[in-house]
Amino acid sequence: MSAASLPPTPRVWDREAVAVPVLLVEGADSPPIIAAVMAALERRLPQVVRLAVPGAGHMVPVTHPPVVARAVQANLASRGPCRRIWRRTPCLPG
């Protein structure tokens, strides 16, 4: 498969191009810039769920994997039946 045959990669600021649900996970004890970035993303993206994990820092997926895994599972389960956006992607909700 050549690069020319791949669909274009959406830019984050093209909110209309992001057609999948987004789960934003941050550590509640992360540096303040992280919360600012997450807030900006939350305002710009159409399908966002945001989670701040208490007692976690910037490496929340590494330090709190069960919490992150449950959040991902719950977010996907809440989105309804599964669909694929490309042949090689995992099943996405919606």
Protein backbone atom coordinates (compact mmCIF):
# COMPACT_ATOMS: atom_id res chain seq x y z
CA MET A 1 0.00 0.00 0.00
CA SER A 2 1.45 3.36 -0.97
CA ALA A 3 1.11 6.56 1.01
CA ALA A 4 -0.95 8.01 -1.85
CA SER A 5 -3.66 5.38 -1.31
CA LEU A 6 -4.10 6.16 2.40
CA PRO A 7 -6.81 8.57 3.51
CA PRO A 8 -5.53 11.96 4.63
CA THR A 9 -4.74 12.32 8.32
CA PRO A 10 -7.13 14.81 9.95
CA ARG A 11 -5.61 17.73 11.79
CA VAL A 12 -6.87 18.21 15.35
CA TRP A 13 -8.10 21.72 14.61
CA ASP A 14 -10.31 20.40 11.77
CA ARG A 15 -13.03 19.38 14.20
CA GLU A 16 -15.36 18.32 11.40
CA ALA A 17 -12.75 15.77 10.32
CA VAL A 18 -12.81 13.97 13.69
CA ALA A 19 -15.77 11.65 13.24
CA VAL A 20 -15.11 9.31 16.16
CA PRO A 21 -15.71 9.66 19.89
CA VAL A 22 -12.73 11.00 21.84
CA LEU A 23 -11.87 10.14 25.43
CA LEU A 24 -9.53 12.66 27.02
CA VAL A 25 -7.78 11.22 30.09
CA GLU A 26 -5.54 13.32 32.29
CA GLY A 27 -4.00 12.97 35.72
CA ALA A 28 -5.54 15.42 38.18
CA ASP A 29 -2.00 16.12 39.47
CA SER A 30 -0.54 16.78 36.01
CA PRO A 31 1.15 20.12 35.29
CA PRO A 32 -1.40 22.92 34.70
CA ILE A 33 -0.62 23.07 30.98
CA ILE A 34 -2.16 19.60 30.55
CA ALA A 35 -5.54 20.76 31.89
CA ALA A 36 -5.36 23.80 29.60
CA VAL A 37 -4.66 21.63 26.55
CA MET A 38 -7.43 19.21 27.48
CA ALA A 39 -9.89 22.06 27.98
CA ALA A 40 -9.00 23.47 24.55
CA LEU A 41 -9.47 20.07 22.92
CA GLU A 42 -12.75 19.55 24.76
CA ARG A 43 -14.07 22.85 23.37
CA ARG A 44 -13.02 22.05 19.81
CA LEU A 45 -13.94 18.40 19.33
CA PRO A 46 -17.56 17.40 18.80
CA GLN A 47 -17.71 14.04 20.66
CA VAL A 48 -15.64 14.34 23.83
CA VAL A 49 -15.69 12.70 27.23
CA ARG A 50 -13.09 14.06 29.64
CA LEU A 51 -11.72 12.27 32.70
CA ALA A 52 -9.32 13.64 35.32
CA VAL A 53 -7.96 10.77 37.43
CA PRO A 54 -7.49 11.79 41.08
CA GLY A 55 -4.01 11.18 42.48
CA ALA A 56 -2.50 10.66 39.02
CA GLY A 57 0.10 12.74 37.24
CA HIS A 58 1.04 13.08 33.59
CA MET A 59 1.74 9.34 33.14
CA VAL A 60 -1.76 8.27 34.16
CA PRO A 61 -1.96 5.29 31.72
CA VAL A 62 1.24 3.91 33.23
CA THR A 63 0.52 4.65 36.90
CA HIS A 64 -3.23 3.91 36.89
CA PRO A 65 -3.84 1.36 34.08
CA PRO A 66 -6.98 -0.23 35.59
CA VAL A 67 -8.68 3.17 35.88
CA VAL A 68 -7.77 4.09 32.30
CA ALA A 69 -8.84 0.66 30.98
CA ARG A 70 -12.23 0.91 32.70
CA ALA A 71 -12.71 4.43 31.32
CA VAL A 72 -11.91 3.30 27.79
CA GLN A 73 -14.22 0.29 28.08
CA ALA A 74 -17.06 2.39 29.51
CA ASN A 75 -16.61 5.07 26.85
CA LEU A 76 -16.70 2.53 24.04
CA ALA A 77 -19.65 0.66 25.53
CA SER A 78 -21.65 3.87 25.86
CA ARG A 79 -21.29 4.62 22.15
CA GLY A 80 -23.54 1.84 20.86
CA PRO A 81 -22.93 -0.70 18.08
CA CYS A 82 -19.52 -1.08 16.56
CA ARG A 83 -18.31 0.04 13.11
CA ARG A 84 -15.00 0.09 11.28
CA ILE A 85 -13.64 3.27 9.70
CA TRP A 86 -10.88 1.50 7.75
CA ARG A 87 -10.24 -2.17 7.05
CA ARG A 88 -7.26 -2.39 9.40
CA THR A 89 -8.61 -0.44 12.35
CA PRO A 90 -10.12 -1.93 15.48
CA CYS A 91 -13.86 -1.81 15.86
CA LEU A 92 -15.08 1.66 16.81
CA PRO A 93 -18.45 2.53 18.31
CA GLY A 94 -21.19 4.26 16.41
